[in-house]
PDB file of N, CA and C in Angstrom:
ATOM      1  N   UNK A   1       0.828  -1.124   0.108  1.00  0.00           N
ATOM      2  CA  UNK A   1       0.140  -0.128   0.148  1.00  0.00           C
ATOM      3  C   UNK A   1       0.879   1.280  -0.033  1.00  0.00           C
ATOM      4  N   UNK A   2       1.931   1.089   0.811  1.00  0.00           N
ATOM      5  CA  UNK A   2       2.683   2.396   0.740  1.00  0.00           C
ATOM      6  C   UNK A   2       3.499   2.674  -0.590  1.00  0.00           C
ATOM      7  N   UNK A   3       3.654   1.484  -1.152  1.00  0.00           N
ATOM      8  CA  UNK A   3       4.418   1.690  -2.612  1.00  0.00           C
ATOM      9  C   UNK A   3       3.253   2.329  -3.608  1.00  0.00           C
ATOM     10  N   UNK A   4       2.191   2.101  -3.526  1.00  0.00           N
ATOM     11  CA  UNK A   4       1.000   2.599  -4.477  1.00  0.00           C
ATOM     12  C   UNK A   4       0.869   4.164  -4.080  1.00  0.00           C
ATOM     13  N   UNK A   5       0.935   4.484  -2.800  1.00  0.00           N
ATOM     14  CA  UNK A   5       0.863   5.929  -2.441  1.00  0.00           C
ATOM     15  C   UNK A   5       2.047   6.700  -3.008  1.00  0.00           C
ATOM     16  N   UNK A   6       3.274   6.055  -2.706  1.00  0.00           N
ATOM     17  CA  UNK A   6       4.465   6.663  -3.316  1.00  0.00           C
ATOM     18  C   UNK A   6       4.325   7.119  -4.828  1.00  0.00           C
ATOM     19  N   UNK A   7       3.899   5.964  -5.494  1.00  0.00           N
ATOM     20  CA  UNK A   7       3.753   5.949  -6.962  1.00  0.00           C
ATOM     21  C   UNK A   7       2.530   7.013  -7.528  1.00  0.00           C
ATOM     22  N   UNK A   8       1.609   7.195  -6.693  1.00  0.00           N
ATOM     23  CA  UNK A   8       0.349   8.114  -6.966  1.00  0.00           C
ATOM     24  C   UNK A   8       1.023   9.460  -6.560  1.00  0.00           C
ATOM     25  N   UNK A   9       1.880   9.602  -5.571  1.00  0.00           N
ATOM     26  CA  UNK A   9       2.419  10.882  -5.232  1.00  0.00           C
ATOM     27  C   UNK A   9       3.364  11.413  -6.379  1.00  0.00           C
ATOM     28  N   UNK A  10       4.142  10.411  -6.683  1.00  0.00           N
ATOM     29  CA  UNK A  10       5.135  10.648  -7.931  1.00  0.00           C
ATOM     30  C   UNK A  10       4.336  10.922  -9.185  1.00  0.00           C
ATOM     31  N   UNK A  11       3.457  10.472  -9.588  1.00  0.00           N
ATOM     32  CA  UNK A  11       2.739  10.827 -10.641  1.00  0.00           C
ATOM     33  C   UNK A  11       2.200  12.220 -10.542  1.00  0.00           C
ATOM     34  N   UNK A  12       1.512  12.472  -9.387  1.00  0.00           N
ATOM     35  CA  UNK A  12       0.878  13.796  -9.182  1.00  0.00           C
ATOM     36  C   UNK A  12       2.040  15.088  -9.275  1.00  0.00           C
ATOM     37  N   UNK A  13       3.236  14.769  -8.765  1.00  0.00           N
ATOM     38  CA  UNK A  13       4.435  15.586  -8.710  1.00  0.00           C
ATOM     39  C   UNK A  13       4.903  15.641 -10.275  1.00  0.00           C
ATOM     40  N   UNK A  14       4.851  14.585 -10.939  1.00  0.00           N
ATOM     41  CA  UNK A  14       5.290  14.766 -12.304  1.00  0.00           C
ATOM     42  C   UNK A  14       4.127  15.603 -13.071  1.00  0.00           C
ATOM     43  N   UNK A  15       2.909  15.311 -12.808  1.00  0.00           N
ATOM     44  CA  UNK A  15       1.696  16.046 -13.551  1.00  0.00           C
ATOM     45  C   UNK A  15       1.925  17.544 -13.209  1.00  0.00           C
ATOM     46  N   UNK A  16       2.044  17.779 -11.986  1.00  0.00           N
ATOM     47  CA  UNK A  16       2.112  19.274 -11.554  1.00  0.00           C
ATOM     48  C   UNK A  16       3.376  19.880 -12.146  1.00  0.00           C
ATOM     49  N   UNK A  17       4.533  19.234 -12.338  1.00  0.00           N
ATOM     50  CA  UNK A  17       5.673  19.836 -12.933  1.00  0.00           C
ATOM     51  C   UNK A  17       5.300  20.063 -14.554  1.00  0.00           C
ATOM     52  N   UNK A  18       4.453  19.220 -15.105  1.00  0.00           N
ATOM     53  CA  UNK A  18       4.316  19.491 -16.370  1.00  0.00           C
ATOM     54  C   UNK A  18       3.249  20.449 -16.651  1.00  0.00           C
ATOM     55  N   UNK A  19       2.204  20.787 -15.670  1.00  0.00           N
ATOM     56  CA  UNK A  19       1.436  21.849 -15.668  1.00  0.00           C
ATOM     57  C   UNK A  19       1.945  23.197 -15.427  1.00  0.00           C
ATOM     58  N   UNK A  20       3.174  23.169 -14.668  1.00  0.00           N
ATOM     59  CA  UNK A  20       3.682  24.428 -14.397  1.00  0.00           C
ATOM     60  C   UNK A  20       4.449  24.706 -15.575  1.00  0.00           C
ATOM     61  N   UNK A  21       5.142  23.697 -16.144  1.00  0.00           N
ATOM     62  CA  UNK A  21       6.045  23.988 -17.495  1.00  0.00           C
ATOM     63  C   UNK A  21       4.941  24.445 -18.551  1.00  0.00           C
ATOM     64  N   UNK A  22       3.801  23.969 -18.731  1.00  0.00           N
ATOM     65  CA  UNK A  22       3.034  24.560 -19.803  1.00  0.00           C
ATOM     66  C   UNK A  22       2.367  25.893 -19.542  1.00  0.00           C
ATOM     67  N   UNK A  23       2.118  26.079 -18.272  1.00  0.00           N
ATOM     68  CA  UNK A  23       1.776  27.468 -17.852  1.00  0.00           C
ATOM     69  C   UNK A  23       2.752  28.607 -17.994  1.00  0.00           C
ATOM     70  N   UNK A  24       4.043  28.171 -17.735  1.00  0.00           N
ATOM     71  CA  UNK A  24       5.072  29.176 -17.973  1.00  0.00           C
ATOM     72  C   UNK A  24       5.216  29.201 -19.435  1.00  0.00           C
ATOM     73  N   UNK A  25       5.110  28.062 -20.384  1.00  0.00           N
ATOM     74  CA  UNK A  25       5.258  28.473 -21.730  1.00  0.00           C
ATOM     75  C   UNK A  25       4.155  29.275 -22.396  1.00  0.00           C
ATOM     76  N   UNK A  26       2.931  29.068 -21.884  1.00  0.00           N
ATOM     77  CA  UNK A  26       1.820  29.961 -22.344  1.00  0.00           C
ATOM     78  C   UNK A  26       1.986  31.393 -21.887  1.00  0.00           C
ATOM     79  N   UNK A  27       2.528  31.719 -20.670  1.00  0.00           N
ATOM     80  CA  UNK A  27       2.885  33.079 -20.276  1.00  0.00           C
ATOM     81  C   UNK A  27       3.962  33.614 -21.037  1.00  0.00           C
ATOM     82  N   UNK A  28       4.992  32.838 -21.333  1.00  0.00           N
ATOM     83  CA  UNK A  28       6.026  33.229 -22.173  1.00  0.00           C
ATOM     84  C   UNK A  28       5.719  33.637 -23.651  1.00  0.00           C
ATOM     85  N   UNK A  29       4.791  32.919 -24.233  1.00  0.00           N
ATOM     86  CA  UNK A  29       4.141  33.132 -25.589  1.00  0.00           C
ATOM     87  C   UNK A  29       3.405  34.335 -25.527  1.00  0.00           C
ATOM     88  N   UNK A  30       2.741  34.598 -24.511  1.00  0.00           N
ATOM     89  CA  UNK A  30       1.824  35.954 -24.331  1.00  0.00           C
ATOM     90  C   UNK A  30       2.867  36.949 -24.117  1.00  0.00           C
ATOM     91  N   UNK A  31       3.937  37.108 -23.526  1.00  0.00           N
ATOM     92  CA  UNK A  31       4.814  37.975 -23.251  1.00  0.00           C
ATOM     93  C   UNK A  31       5.329  38.458 -24.752  1.00  0.00           C
ATOM     94  N   UNK A  32       5.735  37.370 -25.528  1.00  0.00           N
ATOM     95  CA  UNK A  32       6.250  37.648 -26.669  1.00  0.00           C
ATOM     96  C   UNK A  32       5.304  38.285 -27.785  1.00  0.00           C
ATOM     97  N   UNK A  33       4.202  37.780 -27.805  1.00  0.00           N
ATOM     98  CA  UNK A  33       3.195  38.300 -28.515  1.00  0.00           C
ATOM     99  C   UNK A  33       3.017  39.774 -28.110  1.00  0.00           C
ATOM    100  N   UNK A  34       2.687  40.142 -26.870  1.00  0.00           N
ATOM    101  CA  UNK A  34       2.600  41.474 -26.436  1.00  0.00           C
ATOM    102  C   UNK A  34       3.946  42.511 -26.742  1.00  0.00           C
ATOM    103  N   UNK A  35       4.804  41.874 -26.817  1.00  0.00           N
ATOM    104  CA  UNK A  35       6.190  42.670 -27.102  1.00  0.00           C
ATOM    105  C   UNK A  35       6.262  43.044 -28.655  1.00  0.00           C
ATOM    106  N   UNK A  36       5.821  42.036 -29.344  1.00  0.00           N
ATOM    107  CA  UNK A  36       5.629  42.279 -30.935  1.00  0.00           C
ATOM    108  C   UNK A  36       4.686  43.273 -31.193  1.00  0.00           C
ATOM    109  N   UNK A  37       3.530  43.210 -30.530  1.00  0.00           N
ATOM    110  CA  UNK A  37       2.407  44.223 -30.778  1.00  0.00           C
ATOM    111  C   UNK A  37       2.761  45.537 -30.312  1.00  0.00           C
ATOM    112  N   UNK A  38       3.469  45.647 -29.177  1.00  0.00           N
ATOM    113  CA  UNK A  38       4.097  46.843 -28.596  1.00  0.00           C
ATOM    114  C   UNK A  38       4.959  47.546 -29.661  1.00  0.00           C
ATOM    115  N   UNK A  39       5.783  46.853 -30.217  1.00  0.00           N
ATOM    116  CA  UNK A  39       6.754  47.225 -31.329  1.00  0.00           C
ATOM    117  C   UNK A  39       6.091  47.893 -32.435  1.00  0.00           C
ATOM    118  N   UNK A  40       4.983  47.128 -32.834  1.00  0.00           N
ATOM    119  CA  UNK A  40       4.108  47.542 -33.924  1.00  0.00           C
ATOM    120  C   UNK A  40       3.325  48.906 -33.602  1.00  0.00           C
ATOM    121  N   UNK A  41       2.748  48.910 -32.378  1.00  0.00           N
ATOM    122  CA  UNK A  41       2.119  50.126 -32.069  1.00  0.00           C
ATOM    123  C   UNK A  41       3.032  51.450 -31.847  1.00  0.00           C
ATOM    124  N   UNK A  42       4.245  51.167 -31.570  1.00  0.00           N
ATOM    125  CA  UNK A  42       5.237  52.345 -31.306  1.00  0.00           C
ATOM    126  C   UNK A  42       5.571  52.861 -32.806  1.00  0.00           C
ATOM    127  N   UNK A  43       5.681  51.874 -33.812  1.00  0.00           N
ATOM    128  CA  UNK A  43       6.102  52.243 -35.153  1.00  0.00           C
ATOM    129  C   UNK A  43       4.801  52.912 -35.695  1.00  0.00           C
ATOM    130  N   UNK A  44       3.674  52.597 -35.440  1.00  0.00           N
ATOM    131  CA  UNK A  44       2.429  53.220 -35.821  1.00  0.00           C
ATOM    132  C   UNK A  44       2.279  54.609 -35.218  1.00  0.00           C
ATOM    133  N   UNK A  45       2.661  54.705 -33.958  1.00  0.00           N
ATOM    134  CA  UNK A  45       2.527  55.944 -33.313  1.00  0.00           C
ATOM    135  C   UNK A  45       3.626  57.082 -33.911  1.00  0.00           C
ATOM    136  N   UNK A  46       4.720  56.493 -34.205  1.00  0.00           N
ATOM    137  CA  UNK A  46       5.867  57.249 -34.847  1.00  0.00           C
ATOM    138  C   UNK A  46       5.376  57.702 -36.245  1.00  0.00           C
ATOM    139  N   UNK A  47       4.690  56.922 -36.934  1.00  0.00           N
ATOM    140  CA  UNK A  47       4.190  57.348 -38.360  1.00  0.00           C
ATOM    141  C   UNK A  47       3.141  58.541 -38.109  1.00  0.00           C
ATOM    142  N   UNK A  48       2.246  58.223 -37.057  1.00  0.00           N
ATOM    143  CA  UNK A  48       1.347  59.236 -36.600  1.00  0.00           C
ATOM    144  C   UNK A  48       1.837  60.543 -36.271  1.00  0.00           C
ATOM    145  N   UNK A  49       2.644  60.453 -35.545  1.00  0.00           N
ATOM    146  CA  UNK A  49       3.574  61.611 -35.103  1.00  0.00           C
ATOM    147  C   UNK A  49       3.996  62.398 -36.447  1.00  0.00           C
ATOM    148  N   UNK A  50       4.786  61.745 -37.319  1.00  0.00           N
ATOM    149  CA  UNK A  50       5.250  62.433 -38.378  1.00  0.00           C
ATOM    150  C   UNK A  50       4.338  62.894 -39.393  1.00  0.00           C
ATOM    151  N   UNK A  51       3.142  62.127 -39.558  1.00  0.00           N
ATOM    152  CA  UNK A  51       1.995  62.762 -40.484  1.00  0.00           C
ATOM    153  C   UNK A  51       1.449  64.097 -39.625  1.00  0.00           C
ATOM    154  N   UNK A  52       1.245  64.034 -38.341  1.00  0.00           N
ATOM    155  CA  UNK A  52       0.704  65.175 -37.559  1.00  0.00           C
ATOM    156  C   UNK A  52       1.774  66.258 -37.912  1.00  0.00           C
ATOM    157  N   UNK A  53       3.029  66.144 -37.685  1.00  0.00           N
ATOM    158  CA  UNK A  53       3.912  67.222 -38.079  1.00  0.00           C
ATOM    159  C   UNK A  53       3.704  67.763 -39.345  1.00  0.00           C
ATOM    160  N   UNK A  54       3.505  66.985 -40.442  1.00  0.00           N
ATOM    161  CA  UNK A  54       3.217  67.282 -41.739  1.00  0.00           C
ATOM    162  C   UNK A  54       2.020  68.243 -41.846  1.00  0.00           C
ATOM    163  N   UNK A  55       0.970  67.684 -41.218  1.00  0.00           N
ATOM    164  CA  UNK A  55      -0.315  68.496 -41.110  1.00  0.00           C
ATOM    165  C   UNK A  55      -0.227  69.881 -40.465  1.00  0.00           C
ATOM    166  N   UNK A  56       0.525  69.737 -39.385  1.00  0.00           N
ATOM    167  CA  UNK A  56       0.746  71.246 -38.958  1.00  0.00           C
ATOM    168  C   UNK A  56       1.342  72.038 -39.533  1.00  0.00           C
ATOM    169  N   UNK A  57       2.507  71.520 -40.429  1.00  0.00           N
ATOM    170  CA  UNK A  57       3.263  72.494 -41.249  1.00  0.00           C
ATOM    171  C   UNK A  57       2.294  72.952 -42.511  1.00  0.00           C
ATOM    172  N   UNK A  58       1.342  72.085 -42.930  1.00  0.00           N
ATOM    173  CA  UNK A  58       0.557  72.399 -43.909  1.00  0.00           C
ATOM    174  C   UNK A  58      -0.472  73.562 -43.602  1.00  0.00           C
ATOM    175  N   UNK A  59      -1.015  73.329 -42.235  1.00  0.00           N
ATOM    176  CA  UNK A  59      -1.713  74.353 -41.681  1.00  0.00           C
ATOM    177  C   UNK A  59      -1.262  75.571 -41.495  1.00  0.00           C
ATOM    178  N   UNK A  60       0.193  75.617 -41.081  1.00  0.00           N
ATOM    179  CA  UNK A  60       0.696  76.850 -40.908  1.00  0.00           C
ATOM    180  C   UNK A  60       0.926  77.700 -42.188  1.00  0.00           C
ATOM    181  N   UNK A  61       1.355  76.900 -43.147  1.00  0.00           N
ATOM    182  CA  UNK A  61       1.514  77.583 -44.518  1.00  0.00           C
ATOM    183  C   UNK A  61       0.316  78.025 -45.159  1.00  0.00           C
ATOM    184  N   UNK A  62      -0.960  77.339 -45.010  1.00  0.00           N
ATOM    185  CA  UNK A  62      -2.148  77.804 -45.595  1.00  0.00           C
ATOM    186  C   UNK A  62      -2.476  78.968 -44.812  1.00  0.00           C
ATOM    187  N   UNK A  63      -2.339  79.036 -43.450  1.00  0.00           N
ATOM    188  CA  UNK A  63      -2.687  80.169 -42.671  1.00  0.00           C
ATOM    189  C   UNK A  63      -1.878  81.412 -43.112  1.00  0.00           C
ATOM    190  N   UNK A  64      -0.639  81.192 -43.547  1.00  0.00           N
ATOM    191  CA  UNK A  64       0.041  82.242 -44.015  1.00  0.00           C
ATOM    192  C   UNK A  64      -0.326  82.868 -45.207  1.00  0.00           C
ATOM    193  N   UNK A  65      -0.722  81.924 -46.340  1.00  0.00           N
ATOM    194  CA  UNK A  65      -1.310  82.170 -47.469  1.00  0.00           C
ATOM    195  C   UNK A  65      -2.629  82.869 -47.411  1.00  0.00           C
ATOM    196  N   UNK A  66      -3.550  82.461 -46.431  1.00  0.00           N
ATOM    197  CA  UNK A  66      -4.662  83.073 -46.223  1.00  0.00           C
ATOM    198  C   UNK A  66      -4.413  84.459 -45.847  1.00  0.00           C
ATOM    199  N   UNK A  67      -3.379  84.883 -44.903  1.00  0.00           N
ATOM    200  CA  UNK A  67      -3.051  86.091 -44.530  1.00  0.00           C
ATOM    201  C   UNK A  67      -2.572  87.020 -45.760  1.00  0.00           C
ATOM    202  N   UNK A  68      -1.751  86.321 -46.605  1.00  0.00           N
ATOM    203  CA  UNK A  68      -1.319  86.985 -47.703  1.00  0.00           C
ATOM    204  C   UNK A  68      -2.499  87.337 -48.648  1.00  0.00           C
ATOM    205  N   UNK A  69      -3.463  86.645 -48.851  1.00  0.00           N
ATOM    206  CA  UNK A  69      -4.576  86.803 -49.698  1.00  0.00           C
ATOM    207  C   UNK A  69      -5.542  87.830 -49.179  1.00  0.00           C
ATOM    208  N   UNK A  70      -5.713  87.969 -47.650  1.00  0.00           N
ATOM    209  CA  UNK A  70      -6.294  88.926 -47.099  1.00  0.00           C
ATOM    210  C   UNK A  70      -5.632  90.309 -47.320  1.00  0.00           C
ATOM    211  N   UNK A  71      -4.527  90.246 -46.972  1.00  0.00           N
ATOM    212  CA  UNK A  71      -3.606  91.555 -47.258  1.00  0.00           C
ATOM    213  C   UNK A  71      -3.781  91.999 -48.786  1.00  0.00           C
ATOM    214  N   UNK A  72      -3.600  91.100 -49.905  1.00  0.00           N
ATOM    215  CA  UNK A  72      -3.862  91.427 -51.162  1.00  0.00           C
ATOM    216  C   UNK A  72      -5.344  91.899 -51.423  1.00  0.00           C
ATOM    217  N   UNK A  73      -6.165  91.443 -50.773  1.00  0.00           N
ATOM    218  CA  UNK A  73      -7.457  91.913 -51.068  1.00  0.00           C
ATOM    219  C   UNK A  73      -7.780  93.344 -50.584  1.00  0.00           C
ATOM    220  N   UNK A  74      -7.187  93.417 -49.340  1.00  0.00           N
ATOM    221  CA  UNK A  74      -7.262  95.005 -48.868  1.00  0.00           C
ATOM    222  C   UNK A  74      -6.420  95.861 -49.847  1.00  0.00           C
ATOM    223  N   UNK A  75      -5.338  95.498 -50.487  1.00  0.00           N
ATOM    224  CA  UNK A  75      -4.500  96.272 -51.220  1.00  0.00           C
ATOM    225  C   UNK A  75      -5.379  96.530 -52.523  1.00  0.00           C
ATOM    226  N   UNK A  76      -6.027  95.591 -53.027  1.00  0.00           N
ATOM    227  CA  UNK A  76      -6.926  95.846 -54.362  1.00  0.00           C
ATOM    228  C   UNK A  76      -7.969  96.887 -54.012  1.00  0.00           C
ATOM    229  N   UNK A  77      -8.301  97.170 -52.960  1.00  0.00           N
ATOM    230  CA  UNK A  77      -9.366  98.194 -52.832  1.00  0.00           C
ATOM    231  C   UNK A  77      -8.796  99.455 -52.674  1.00  0.00           C
ATOM    232  N   UNK A  78      -7.497  99.702 -52.669  1.00  0.00           N
ATOM    233  CA  UNK A  78      -6.955 100.960 -52.597  1.00  0.00           C
ATOM    234  C   UNK A  78      -6.848 101.809 -53.925  1.00  0.00           C
ATOM    235  N   UNK A  79      -6.620 103.042 -53.860  1.00  0.00           N
ATOM    236  CA  UNK A  79      -6.598 103.842 -55.315  1.00  0.00           C
ATOM    237  C   UNK A  79      -5.185 103.441 -55.954  1.00  0.00           C
ATOM    238  N   UNK A  80      -4.282 103.212 -55.006  1.00  0.00           N
ATOM    239  CA  UNK A  80      -2.931 103.096 -55.494  1.00  0.00           C
ATOM    240  C   UNK A  80      -2.862 101.660 -56.475  1.00  0.00           C
ATOM    241  N   UNK A  81      -3.581 100.748 -56.199  1.00  0.00           N
ATOM    242  CA  UNK A  81      -3.596  99.591 -56.844  1.00  0.00           C
ATOM    243  C   UNK A  81      -4.396  99.863 -58.221  1.00  0.00           C
ATOM    244  N   UNK A  82      -5.577 100.599 -58.162  1.00  0.00           N
ATOM    245  CA  UNK A  82      -6.161 100.966 -59.322  1.00  0.00           C
ATOM    246  C   UNK A  82      -5.367 101.804 -60.330  1.00  0.00           C
ATOM    247  N   UNK A  83      -4.624 102.702 -59.801  1.00  0.00           N
ATOM    248  CA  UNK A  83      -3.658 103.387 -60.530  1.00  0.00           C
ATOM    249  C   UNK A  83      -2.633 102.590 -61.228  1.00  0.00           C
ATOM    250  N   UNK A  84      -2.109 101.684 -60.594  1.00  0.00           N
ATOM    251  CA  UNK A  84      -1.039 100.777 -61.051  1.00  0.00           C
ATOM    252  C   UNK A  84      -1.641  99.935 -62.264  1.00  0.00           C
ATOM    253  N   UNK A  85      -2.911  99.239 -61.987  1.00  0.00           N
ATOM    254  CA  UNK A  85      -3.455  98.644 -63.173  1.00  0.00           C
ATOM    255  C   UNK A  85      -3.808  99.456 -64.300  1.00  0.00           C
ATOM    256  N   UNK A  86      -4.134 100.607 -64.068  1.00  0.00           N
ATOM    257  CA  UNK A  86      -4.607 101.568 -65.222  1.00  0.00           C
ATOM    258  C   UNK A  86      -3.330 101.772 -66.063  1.00  0.00           C
ATOM    259  N   UNK A  87      -2.061 101.977 -65.151  1.00  0.00           N
ATOM    260  CA  UNK A  87      -0.997 102.396 -65.742  1.00  0.00           C
ATOM    261  C   UNK A  87      -0.361 101.264 -66.734  1.00  0.00           C
ATOM    262  N   UNK A  88      -0.291 100.174 -65.922  1.00  0.00           N
ATOM    263  CA  UNK A  88       0.397  99.022 -66.347  1.00  0.00           C
ATOM    264  C   UNK A  88      -0.243  98.258 -67.620  1.00  0.00           C
ATOM    265  N   UNK A  89      -1.656  97.902 -67.309  1.00  0.00           N
ATOM    266  CA  UNK A  89      -2.355  97.290 -68.235  1.00  0.00           C
ATOM    267  C   UNK A  89      -3.059  97.979 -69.151  1.00  0.00           C
ATOM    268  N   UNK A  90      -3.573  99.035 -68.920  1.00  0.00           N
ATOM    269  CA  UNK A  90      -4.343  99.964 -69.898  1.00  0.00           C
ATOM    270  C   UNK A  90      -3.578 100.943 -70.551  1.00  0.00           C
ATOM    271  N   UNK A  91      -2.264 101.369 -70.030  1.00  0.00           N
ATOM    272  CA  UNK A  91      -1.469 102.645 -70.611  1.00  0.00           C
ATOM    273  C   UNK A  91      -2.107 103.643 -70.343  1.00  0.00           C
ATOM    274  N   UNK A  92      -2.846 103.882 -69.333  1.00  0.00           N
ATOM    275  CA  UNK A  92      -3.449 105.271 -69.104  1.00  0.00           C
ATOM    276  C   UNK A  92      -2.499 106.061 -68.248  1.00  0.00           C
ATOM    277  N   UNK A  93      -2.763 107.366 -68.456  1.00  0.00           N
ATOM    278  CA  UNK A  93      -1.755 108.259 -67.590  1.00  0.00           C
ATOM    279  C   UNK A  93      -2.643 109.537 -67.174  1.00  0.00           C
ATOM    280  N   UNK A  94      -2.266 110.354 -66.209  1.00  0.00           N
ATOM    281  CA  UNK A  94      -2.773 111.489 -65.855  1.00  0.00           C
ATOM    282  C   UNK A  94      -2.696 112.504 -67.074  1.00  0.00           C
ATOM    283  N   UNK A  95      -3.581 113.438 -67.034  1.00  0.00           N
ATOM    284  CA  UNK A  95      -3.640 114.432 -68.130  1.00  0.00           C
ATOM    285  C   UNK A  95      -2.356 115.330 -68.112  1.00  0.00           C
ATOM    286  N   UNK A  96      -1.820 115.595 -67.046  1.00  0.00           N
ATOM    287  CA  UNK A  96      -0.620 116.448 -67.016  1.00  0.00           C
ATOM    288  C   UNK A  96       0.683 115.615 -67.003  1.00  0.00           C
ATOM    289  N   UNK A  97       0.756 114.422 -67.365  1.00  0.00           N
ATOM    290  CA  UNK A  97       1.959 113.498 -67.283  1.00  0.00           C
ATOM    291  C   UNK A  97       2.418 113.307 -68.891  1.00  0.00           C
ATOM    292  N   UNK A  98       3.768 113.232 -69.026  1.00  0.00           N
ATOM    293  CA  UNK A  98       4.294 113.125 -70.478  1.00  0.00           C
ATOM    294  C   UNK A  98       5.107 111.870 -70.214  1.00  0.00           C
ATOM    295  N   UNK A  99       4.817 110.881 -71.289  1.00  0.00           N
ATOM    296  CA  UNK A  99       5.623 109.401 -71.157  1.00  0.00           C
ATOM    297  C   UNK A  99       6.816 109.563 -72.163  1.00  0.00           C
ATOM    298  N   UNK A 100       7.743 109.102 -71.631  1.00  0.00           N
ATOM    299  CA  UNK A 100       9.030 109.107 -72.680  1.00  0.00           C
ATOM    300  C   UNK A 100       9.346 107.520 -72.835  1.00  0.00           C
ATOM    301  N   UNK A 101       9.227 107.103 -74.138  1.00  0.00           N
ATOM    302  CA  UNK A 101       9.614 105.784 -74.369  1.00  0.00           C
ATOM    303  C   UNK A 101      10.960 105.609 -74.999  1.00  0.00           C
ATOM    304  N   UNK A 102      11.701 104.649 -74.846  1.00  0.00           N
ATOM    305  CA  UNK A 102      12.782 104.377 -75.338  1.00  0.00           C
ATOM    306  C   UNK A 102      12.720 103.737 -76.755  1.00  0.00           C
ATOM    307  N   UNK A 103      13.471 104.272 -77.594  1.00  0.00           N
ATOM    308  CA  UNK A 103      13.195 103.797 -78.955  1.00  0.00           C
ATOM    309  C   UNK A 103      14.211 102.735 -79.383  1.00  0.00           C
ATOM    310  N   UNK A 104      13.983 101.983 -80.465  1.00  0.00           N
ATOM    311  CA  UNK A 104      15.052 101.051 -80.717  1.00  0.00           C
ATOM    312  C   UNK A 104      15.786 101.608 -81.830  1.00  0.00           C
ATOM    313  N   UNK A 105      17.063 101.516 -81.450  1.00  0.00           N
ATOM    314  CA  UNK A 105      18.086 102.323 -82.487  1.00  0.00           C
ATOM    315  C   UNK A 105      18.694 101.192 -83.308  1.00  0.00           C
TER     316      UNK A 105
END
């Protein structure tokens, strides 16, 4: 009877060792999978940060462009702009102005 008890205890001990080894294996696999996923997420976060920086730069440049357009819009409402357009594109001058043109020699 004592021999049977020892054998049963030995079997349980072996089964317990096998269960512990299997649990450790599963935990190690989970750790590996989580580390791989963490690395992927870090790469993705870096890509998103780079894209965000690009978008911020685009927003800044478009904001500057909008300011320039607003300034040009205000400038087109002035008499100075109207005179420049009339002089450059239409060739108009004031009545008391004389225009000298360089001739081709």
